N, C-alpha and C. Protein backbone atom coordinates (compact mmCIF):
# COMPACT_ATOMS: atom_id res chain seq x y z
N UNK A 1 5.92 27.03 2.50
CA UNK A 1 5.70 26.63 1.62
C UNK A 1 5.97 27.06 0.37
N UNK A 2 6.18 26.09 -0.04
CA UNK A 2 7.43 26.16 -1.68
C UNK A 2 6.81 26.93 -2.70
N UNK A 3 7.40 27.63 -3.45
CA UNK A 3 6.65 28.24 -4.65
C UNK A 3 5.82 27.23 -5.84
N UNK A 4 5.77 25.68 -5.69
CA UNK A 4 5.30 25.56 -6.22
C UNK A 4 4.55 24.48 -5.34
N UNK A 5 2.81 25.24 -5.14
CA UNK A 5 2.10 25.03 -4.96
C UNK A 5 1.65 23.44 -4.71
N UNK A 6 1.48 22.80 -6.17
CA UNK A 6 1.01 21.41 -6.18
C UNK A 6 2.20 20.89 -5.80
N UNK A 7 3.26 20.54 -5.28
CA UNK A 7 4.52 19.78 -3.88
C UNK A 7 3.13 20.47 -2.94
N UNK A 8 3.03 21.43 -2.15
CA UNK A 8 2.85 21.22 -0.73
C UNK A 8 1.18 20.34 -0.40
N UNK A 9 0.74 20.75 -2.26
CA UNK A 9 -0.50 19.64 -1.67
C UNK A 9 -0.18 18.02 -1.78
N UNK A 10 0.82 17.77 -2.43
CA UNK A 10 1.19 16.63 -2.94
C UNK A 10 1.45 15.66 -1.18
N UNK A 11 2.26 16.65 -0.16
CA UNK A 11 3.07 16.44 0.26
C UNK A 11 1.67 16.74 1.58
N UNK A 12 1.18 17.63 1.54
CA UNK A 12 -0.28 17.39 2.76
C UNK A 12 -0.64 15.90 2.34
N UNK A 13 -1.12 15.71 1.00
CA UNK A 13 -2.52 14.38 0.84
C UNK A 13 -1.14 13.10 1.42
N UNK A 14 0.30 13.38 1.08
CA UNK A 14 0.51 11.54 1.82
C UNK A 14 0.61 12.22 3.06
N UNK A 15 0.88 13.42 4.23
CA UNK A 15 0.75 13.65 4.88
C UNK A 15 -0.33 12.55 5.71
N UNK A 16 -2.02 13.44 5.09
CA UNK A 16 -2.71 12.78 5.55
C UNK A 16 -3.33 11.38 5.29
N UNK A 17 -2.10 10.82 4.02
CA UNK A 17 -2.80 9.58 4.08
C UNK A 17 -2.01 8.37 5.08
N UNK A 18 -0.47 9.35 5.86
CA UNK A 18 0.34 8.37 7.11
C UNK A 18 -0.79 9.04 8.04
N UNK A 19 -1.14 9.46 8.30
CA UNK A 19 -2.32 10.26 9.41
C UNK A 19 -2.99 8.81 9.51
N UNK A 20 -3.71 8.02 8.52
CA UNK A 20 -4.98 7.54 8.27
C UNK A 20 -4.95 5.58 8.61
N UNK A 21 -3.66 6.03 8.03
CA UNK A 21 -2.37 4.92 8.13
C UNK A 21 -1.95 4.40 10.40
N UNK A 22 -1.69 5.59 10.65
CA UNK A 22 -1.18 5.46 12.28
C UNK A 22 -2.69 5.31 12.65
N UNK A 23 -4.09 6.30 11.90
CA UNK A 23 -5.52 5.66 13.33
C UNK A 23 -5.29 4.24 13.00
N UNK A 24 -4.94 3.44 12.09
CA UNK A 24 -5.73 2.16 11.85
C UNK A 24 -5.01 2.14 12.82
N UNK A 25 -3.43 1.59 11.78
CA UNK A 25 -2.53 1.65 13.44
C UNK A 25 -2.85 1.31 15.44
N UNK A 26 -2.84 2.48 15.53
CA UNK A 26 -3.28 3.13 16.76
C UNK A 26 -1.84 3.97 17.54
N UNK A 27 -2.44 4.54 16.71
CA UNK A 27 -0.27 5.37 18.00
C UNK A 27 0.53 6.22 15.88
N UNK A 28 0.76 6.68 16.36
CA UNK A 28 1.22 7.85 15.69
C UNK A 28 2.80 7.86 15.25
N UNK A 29 3.31 7.58 14.32
CA UNK A 29 5.37 7.58 14.08
C UNK A 29 5.07 7.43 12.73
N UNK A 30 5.60 9.17 12.46
CA UNK A 30 4.75 9.12 10.59
C UNK A 30 5.99 8.22 9.94
N UNK A 31 7.08 8.03 10.56
CA UNK A 31 7.88 6.57 10.86
C UNK A 31 7.04 5.29 10.28
N UNK A 32 7.35 5.33 11.17
CA UNK A 32 6.53 3.04 10.79
C UNK A 32 4.60 3.21 10.03
N UNK A 33 4.91 4.53 10.09
CA UNK A 33 3.42 4.43 9.68
C UNK A 33 3.91 4.98 7.68
N UNK A 34 4.93 5.14 7.52
CA UNK A 34 5.21 4.98 6.37
C UNK A 34 5.43 4.07 6.06
N UNK A 35 6.81 2.81 6.53
CA UNK A 35 7.20 1.71 6.08
C UNK A 35 5.90 0.45 6.20
N UNK A 36 5.14 1.33 7.11
CA UNK A 36 3.68 -0.17 6.63
C UNK A 36 3.64 0.70 5.64
N UNK A 37 3.37 1.62 4.65
CA UNK A 37 2.30 1.76 3.85
C UNK A 37 2.64 1.61 2.48
N UNK A 38 4.86 1.69 2.95
CA UNK A 38 5.87 1.14 1.35
C UNK A 38 5.38 -0.64 1.67
N UNK A 39 5.47 -0.39 2.87
CA UNK A 39 5.63 -2.07 2.41
C UNK A 39 3.77 -2.97 1.54
N UNK A 40 3.41 -2.41 1.90
CA UNK A 40 1.88 -2.75 2.35
C UNK A 40 1.67 -2.36 0.58
N UNK A 41 2.01 -1.59 0.03
CA UNK A 41 1.90 -1.13 -1.29
C UNK A 41 2.42 -2.38 -2.07
N UNK A 42 4.01 -1.80 -2.00
CA UNK A 42 5.07 -3.00 -2.78
C UNK A 42 4.42 -4.59 -3.03
N UNK A 43 4.18 -4.13 -1.88
CA UNK A 43 3.51 -6.15 -2.18
C UNK A 43 2.09 -6.67 -2.29
N UNK A 44 1.33 -5.67 -2.88
CA UNK A 44 0.44 -5.38 -3.14
C UNK A 44 0.63 -6.27 -5.17
N UNK A 45 1.26 -4.38 -4.84
CA UNK A 45 1.93 -4.46 -6.16
C UNK A 45 2.79 -5.31 -7.05
N UNK A 46 3.15 -5.95 -6.61
CA UNK A 46 4.26 -7.14 -7.08
C UNK A 46 3.12 -8.78 -7.24
N UNK A 47 2.17 -8.49 -6.99
CA UNK A 47 1.23 -9.87 -7.20
C UNK A 47 0.20 -9.03 -8.17
N UNK A 48 -0.56 -7.84 -8.69
CA UNK A 48 -1.21 -7.01 -9.66
C UNK A 48 0.02 -7.69 -10.89
N UNK A 49 -0.77 -7.82 -12.15
CA UNK A 49 -0.50 -8.14 -12.95
C UNK A 49 -0.19 -6.85 -13.94
N UNK A 50 1.29 -6.36 -14.82
CA UNK A 50 1.86 -5.37 -15.21
C UNK A 50 0.05 -4.13 -15.21
N UNK A 51 -0.36 -4.38 -16.37
CA UNK A 51 -1.86 -3.77 -16.52
C UNK A 51 -2.87 -2.85 -15.42
N UNK A 52 -2.59 -3.82 -14.05
CA UNK A 52 -2.91 -3.63 -13.16
C UNK A 52 -2.57 -2.71 -12.16
N UNK A 53 -1.58 -2.43 -12.22
CA UNK A 53 -0.06 -1.80 -10.95
C UNK A 53 -0.02 -0.04 -11.37
N UNK A 54 -0.40 -0.05 -13.28
CA UNK A 54 -0.40 1.38 -13.55
C UNK A 54 -2.35 1.62 -13.21
N UNK A 55 -2.96 1.00 -13.64
CA UNK A 55 -4.12 1.18 -13.80
C UNK A 55 -3.86 1.54 -11.52
N UNK A 56 -3.98 1.29 -11.03
CA UNK A 56 -4.12 1.41 -9.68
C UNK A 56 -3.02 2.08 -9.80
N UNK A 57 -2.13 2.34 -9.72
CA UNK A 57 -1.14 3.73 -9.70
C UNK A 57 -1.97 5.17 -9.53
N UNK A 58 -2.18 5.01 -11.14
CA UNK A 58 -3.02 6.14 -11.40
C UNK A 58 -3.67 6.75 -10.45
N UNK A 59 -4.95 6.54 -9.34
CA UNK A 59 -5.80 6.69 -8.84
C UNK A 59 -4.86 6.75 -7.41
N UNK A 60 -3.44 6.44 -7.07
CA UNK A 60 -2.94 6.99 -6.19
C UNK A 60 -2.41 8.05 -6.32
N UNK A 61 -2.01 9.46 -4.96
CA UNK A 61 -1.35 10.56 -5.10
C UNK A 61 -0.18 10.59 -5.48
N UNK A 62 0.16 11.75 -6.30
CA UNK A 62 1.40 11.96 -6.97
C UNK A 62 3.04 11.93 -5.95
N UNK A 63 2.64 11.67 -4.37
CA UNK A 63 3.73 10.78 -3.26
C UNK A 63 3.68 9.38 -2.89
N UNK A 64 2.75 9.37 -2.87
CA UNK A 64 2.21 7.83 -2.41
C UNK A 64 2.20 6.86 -4.40
N UNK A 65 2.39 7.53 -5.22
CA UNK A 65 2.44 6.99 -6.57
C UNK A 65 4.33 6.44 -6.54
N UNK A 66 5.26 7.25 -6.04
CA UNK A 66 6.02 7.43 -6.28
C UNK A 66 6.45 6.56 -4.92
N UNK A 67 6.12 6.22 -3.94
CA UNK A 67 6.40 5.30 -3.14
C UNK A 67 6.55 3.62 -3.96
N UNK A 68 4.82 3.84 -4.76
CA UNK A 68 4.80 3.12 -5.17
C UNK A 68 5.18 1.69 -5.80
N UNK A 69 5.87 3.09 -6.40
CA UNK A 69 6.89 2.25 -8.06
C UNK A 69 8.29 2.22 -7.38
N UNK A 70 8.15 3.29 -6.40
CA UNK A 70 9.87 3.15 -5.90
C UNK A 70 9.88 0.89 -5.97
N UNK A 71 11.53 0.94 -6.65
CA UNK A 71 11.76 -0.58 -6.54
C UNK A 71 11.90 -1.37 -8.06
N UNK A 72 10.12 -1.10 -8.37
CA UNK A 72 10.13 -2.10 -9.06
C UNK A 72 10.15 -2.80 -10.80
N UNK A 73 10.28 -3.35 -10.26
CA UNK A 73 10.93 -4.20 -11.81
C UNK A 73 9.39 -5.00 -12.55
N UNK A 74 8.96 -4.04 -13.38
CA UNK A 74 8.15 -5.39 -14.08
C UNK A 74 7.94 -7.09 -14.43
N UNK A 75 8.02 -8.21 -14.36
CA UNK A 75 8.15 -8.79 -15.44
C UNK A 75 6.52 -10.22 -15.21
N UNK A 76 7.26 -11.44 -16.00
CA UNK A 76 6.26 -12.21 -15.29
C UNK A 76 6.90 -12.87 -14.71
N UNK A 77 8.34 -13.34 -14.30
CA UNK A 77 8.77 -14.26 -14.02
C UNK A 77 8.90 -13.76 -12.18
N UNK A 78 8.46 -12.05 -12.21
CA UNK A 78 8.25 -11.68 -10.70
C UNK A 78 7.21 -11.80 -10.14
N UNK A 79 5.83 -11.70 -10.68
CA UNK A 79 4.31 -11.76 -11.06
C UNK A 79 4.43 -13.88 -10.83
N UNK A 80 5.08 -14.33 -11.10
CA UNK A 80 4.77 -15.63 -10.58
C UNK A 80 5.12 -16.40 -9.26
N UNK A 81 6.88 -15.42 -8.60
CA UNK A 81 7.23 -16.00 -7.97
C UNK A 81 6.39 -14.92 -6.70
N UNK A 82 6.27 -13.72 -6.76
CA UNK A 82 5.86 -12.83 -5.96
C UNK A 82 4.25 -14.02 -5.61
N UNK A 83 3.35 -14.22 -6.54
CA UNK A 83 2.12 -15.16 -6.57
C UNK A 83 1.80 -16.59 -5.40
N UNK A 84 3.50 -16.80 -5.21
CA UNK A 84 4.04 -18.12 -4.81
C UNK A 84 3.97 -17.89 -3.48
N UNK A 85 4.70 -16.56 -3.08
CA UNK A 85 4.83 -16.12 -2.09
C UNK A 85 4.01 -15.42 -1.06
N UNK A 86 3.68 -16.04 0.46
CA UNK A 86 3.20 -15.53 1.88
C UNK A 86 2.98 -14.06 1.26
N UNK A 87 2.04 -13.60 1.07
CA UNK A 87 1.20 -12.18 1.24
C UNK A 87 2.25 -10.79 2.16
N UNK A 88 1.86 -11.54 4.11
CA UNK A 88 2.84 -11.09 4.97
C UNK A 88 4.25 -11.29 5.26
N UNK A 89 4.66 -13.02 4.55
CA UNK A 89 5.93 -12.88 5.01
C UNK A 89 6.79 -11.57 3.29
N UNK A 90 6.22 -11.25 2.49
CA UNK A 90 7.18 -10.25 1.76
C UNK A 90 7.26 -8.69 2.52
N UNK A 91 5.88 -8.62 3.19
CA UNK A 91 5.86 -6.73 4.61
C UNK A 91 6.69 -7.60 4.81
N UNK A 92 6.74 -8.39 5.72
CA UNK A 92 7.75 -8.47 6.82
C UNK A 92 8.97 -8.52 6.73
N UNK A 93 9.59 -8.92 5.35
CA UNK A 93 11.00 -8.40 4.77
C UNK A 93 11.61 -6.94 5.09
N UNK A 94 10.29 -6.14 4.03
CA UNK A 94 10.65 -4.46 4.73
C UNK A 94 9.99 -4.37 5.51
N UNK A 95 9.91 -4.24 6.99
CA UNK A 95 8.92 -3.63 7.65
C UNK A 95 10.45 -4.46 9.20
N UNK A 96 11.47 -5.01 8.23
CA UNK A 96 12.60 -5.40 9.26
C UNK A 96 13.05 -4.73 10.27
N UNK A 97 12.96 -4.02 11.53
CA UNK A 97 13.70 -3.21 12.59
C UNK A 97 12.05 -2.31 12.83
N UNK A 98 11.07 -2.92 12.30
CA UNK A 98 10.48 -1.61 12.63
C UNK A 98 9.32 -3.66 13.89
N UNK A 99 10.36 -3.29 14.99
CA UNK A 99 9.39 -3.87 15.79
C UNK A 99 7.55 -4.23 16.73
N UNK A 100 7.13 -1.88 16.51
CA UNK A 100 5.77 -1.85 16.40
C UNK A 100 5.19 -2.83 15.53
N UNK A 101 5.50 -2.88 13.74
CA UNK A 101 4.75 -3.34 13.06
C UNK A 101 5.19 -5.15 12.41
N UNK A 102 5.12 -6.08 13.80
CA UNK A 102 5.55 -6.73 13.13
C UNK A 102 3.99 -7.56 12.90
N UNK A 103 3.00 -7.52 13.33
CA UNK A 103 1.77 -8.25 13.16
C UNK A 103 1.91 -7.86 11.91
N UNK A 104 2.04 -8.32 10.79
CA UNK A 104 1.85 -7.94 9.15
C UNK A 104 0.00 -7.56 9.19
N UNK A 105 -0.85 -8.66 9.30
CA UNK A 105 -1.72 -8.85 9.14
C UNK A 105 -2.14 -7.39 8.82
N UNK A 106 -2.26 -7.23 10.65
CA UNK A 106 -2.66 -5.55 10.94
C UNK A 106 -2.68 -4.86 10.67
N UNK A 107 -0.77 -4.40 10.06
CA UNK A 107 -0.50 -3.24 9.32
C UNK A 107 -1.10 -3.51 7.67
N UNK A 108 -1.46 -4.48 6.80
CA UNK A 108 -2.13 -4.74 5.81
C UNK A 108 -3.43 -4.17 6.08
N UNK A 109 -4.67 -4.13 7.05
CA UNK A 109 -5.97 -3.68 7.21
C UNK A 109 -5.67 -2.59 7.06
N UNK A 110 -4.40 -1.82 8.04
CA UNK A 110 -4.46 -0.49 9.01
C UNK A 110 -4.46 -0.14 7.37
N UNK A 111 -3.51 -0.28 5.79
CA UNK A 111 -2.97 0.42 4.64
C UNK A 111 -3.88 0.28 4.38
N UNK A 112 -4.79 -1.27 3.90
CA UNK A 112 -5.68 -0.60 3.57
C UNK A 112 -7.18 -0.35 3.57
N UNK A 113 -7.30 0.12 4.96
CA UNK A 113 -8.55 0.41 5.21
C UNK A 113 -8.39 2.48 4.76
N UNK A 114 -6.60 2.75 5.11
CA UNK A 114 -6.54 3.49 4.72
C UNK A 114 -7.08 4.31 3.21
N UNK A 115 -6.93 3.02 2.10
CA UNK A 115 -6.67 3.32 0.37
C UNK A 115 -8.44 3.33 0.81
N UNK A 116 -9.04 2.56 1.05
CA UNK A 116 -10.48 2.60 1.26
C UNK A 116 -11.09 3.10 1.07
N UNK A 117 -10.60 4.47 2.51
CA UNK A 117 -11.37 5.71 2.76
C UNK A 117 -10.22 6.92 1.42
N UNK A 118 -9.69 6.65 1.00
CA UNK A 118 -8.86 7.63 -0.30
C UNK A 118 -9.12 7.78 -1.32
N UNK A 119 -9.75 6.63 -1.70
CA UNK A 119 -9.84 5.90 -3.52
C UNK A 119 -11.26 5.99 -3.83
N UNK A 120 -11.08 5.66 -4.83
CA UNK A 120 -12.30 4.92 -5.26
C UNK A 120 -12.32 3.88 -5.10
N UNK A 121 -13.81 3.59 -4.72
CA UNK A 121 -14.26 1.41 -4.81
C UNK A 121 -14.33 1.59 -6.32
N UNK A 122 -14.48 1.57 -6.59
CA UNK A 122 -14.85 0.81 -8.40
C UNK A 122 -13.45 0.25 -8.74
N UNK A 123 -12.69 1.62 -8.00
CA UNK A 123 -11.11 1.02 -8.95
C UNK A 123 -10.31 -0.03 -7.72
N UNK A 124 -11.19 0.31 -7.01
CA UNK A 124 -9.88 -0.48 -5.58
C UNK A 124 -10.43 -2.21 -5.97
N UNK A 125 -12.47 -2.13 -6.10
CA UNK A 125 -13.16 -3.29 -6.86
C UNK A 125 -12.41 -4.20 -7.95
N UNK A 126 -11.62 -3.18 -8.72
CA UNK A 126 -11.40 -4.03 -9.82
C UNK A 126 -9.85 -4.70 -9.80
N UNK A 127 -9.55 -3.86 -8.71
CA UNK A 127 -7.59 -4.16 -8.27
C UNK A 127 -7.80 -5.46 -7.35
N UNK A 128 -9.24 -5.48 -6.27
CA UNK A 128 -9.06 -6.42 -5.46
C UNK A 128 -8.91 -8.08 -6.13
N UNK A 129 -10.41 -8.08 -6.64
CA UNK A 129 -10.67 -8.80 -7.50
C UNK A 129 -9.18 -10.03 -8.32
N UNK A 130 -7.99 -9.39 -8.35
CA UNK A 130 -7.16 -9.52 -9.02
C UNK A 130 -6.33 -10.12 -8.32
N UNK A 131 -6.63 -9.78 -6.75
CA UNK A 131 -5.09 -10.10 -6.32
C UNK A 131 -5.53 -12.06 -6.01
N UNK A 132 -4.40 -12.42 -5.00
CA UNK A 132 -4.80 -13.62 -4.36
C UNK A 132 -5.48 -13.88 -2.84
N UNK A 133 -6.63 -14.38 -2.97
CA UNK A 133 -7.36 -15.41 -2.34
C UNK A 133 -6.39 -14.95 -0.60
N UNK A 134 -5.55 -14.83 -0.22
CA UNK A 134 -5.56 -13.83 0.89
C UNK A 134 -5.44 -12.79 1.29
N UNK A 135 -4.77 -12.54 0.52
CA UNK A 135 -4.55 -10.75 0.12
C UNK A 135 -6.59 -10.02 -0.69
N UNK A 136 -7.06 -10.92 -0.61
CA UNK A 136 -8.25 -10.75 -1.04
C UNK A 136 -9.36 -10.23 0.81
N UNK A 137 -8.74 -11.19 1.40
CA UNK A 137 -9.73 -11.77 2.42
C UNK A 137 -9.23 -10.66 3.76
N UNK A 138 -7.98 -9.99 3.56
CA UNK A 138 -7.30 -9.17 4.34
C UNK A 138 -8.44 -8.02 3.50
N UNK A 139 -8.55 -7.40 2.55
CA UNK A 139 -9.38 -6.61 1.88
C UNK A 139 -10.59 -6.26 2.46
N UNK A 140 -11.84 -7.34 1.91
CA UNK A 140 -12.96 -7.90 3.23
C UNK A 140 -12.84 -6.80 4.57
N UNK A 141 -11.90 -8.09 5.16
CA UNK A 141 -11.36 -7.48 6.49
C UNK A 141 -11.19 -5.93 6.82
N UNK A 142 -10.45 -5.61 5.80
CA UNK A 142 -9.88 -3.59 5.72
C UNK A 142 -10.99 -2.84 5.66
N UNK A 143 -12.51 -2.81 4.66
CA UNK A 143 -13.91 -2.63 4.44
C UNK A 143 -14.27 -2.10 5.90
N UNK A 144 -14.38 -3.67 6.73
CA UNK A 144 -15.90 -3.34 7.80
C UNK A 144 -15.55 -2.82 9.06
């Protein structure tokens, strides 16, 4: 325990999210769970308009929000580029070296399922509506 209880709570919530992802993936490996969460968050973030990136980020726990924003450089050109790139291929780039995470659709569904359990449904619905069809379809599978 630290002298800053807010940090302890934030770390605990991040671990809970990682364990939810691991449960969705069917194994317990926090390093892989972190990579799965990070790759999915970045692929989602890069396909949202700036105002929705901030809206979605506001609903994430503090530590997870830091992962979400890590390396983000907002621009209209980047959004156009992300929309033309395959969602799962963009995740594969970040999952390089994680052989247990090569089924990117399964990874995305596991992470989206964890988000669905931990976030406000109305907020998620608002975000999902703005995503490309391929990604919306993965969200619908994650909700089942």
